[in-house]
Amino acid sequence: MDRCESALYWWRFAAGAGDPLAAHLLAAHHAGADCVRDARLWRTFARMLGYTPDRHRPQPVQGRATIAEGLARQAPWNTELRNFMTFEQLPDALVRR
């Protein structure tokens, strides 16, 4: 079984178990493969399961780089490394290099 067939198998399995996103992915796959009848069927099934783009579409990643809250406090690092990890801007000594 190749990767595409494997993905289709698991999407069908998940959709059959009631996963609306899996049904939507099957609809998108069949639409891309020009199987209009199957695409419409899976789209209808996805909507019956409650698929909505606002709820199921991936959200963008946070726009700024941050570390996990409390990580720098709990790690056994020296003061310089702890300060480097907690400040949002690079220290002046690093910027000048």
Foldseek 3Di string as FASTA:
>chain_A
DDPVVVLLVVLVVVLVVLDLVSLQVQLVVCVVVVVNVSNVVSPVSSVVSPDDCVVPPDDDDDPADADPPPPLVPDPDDPVVSVCRPDRDHDPVVVVD
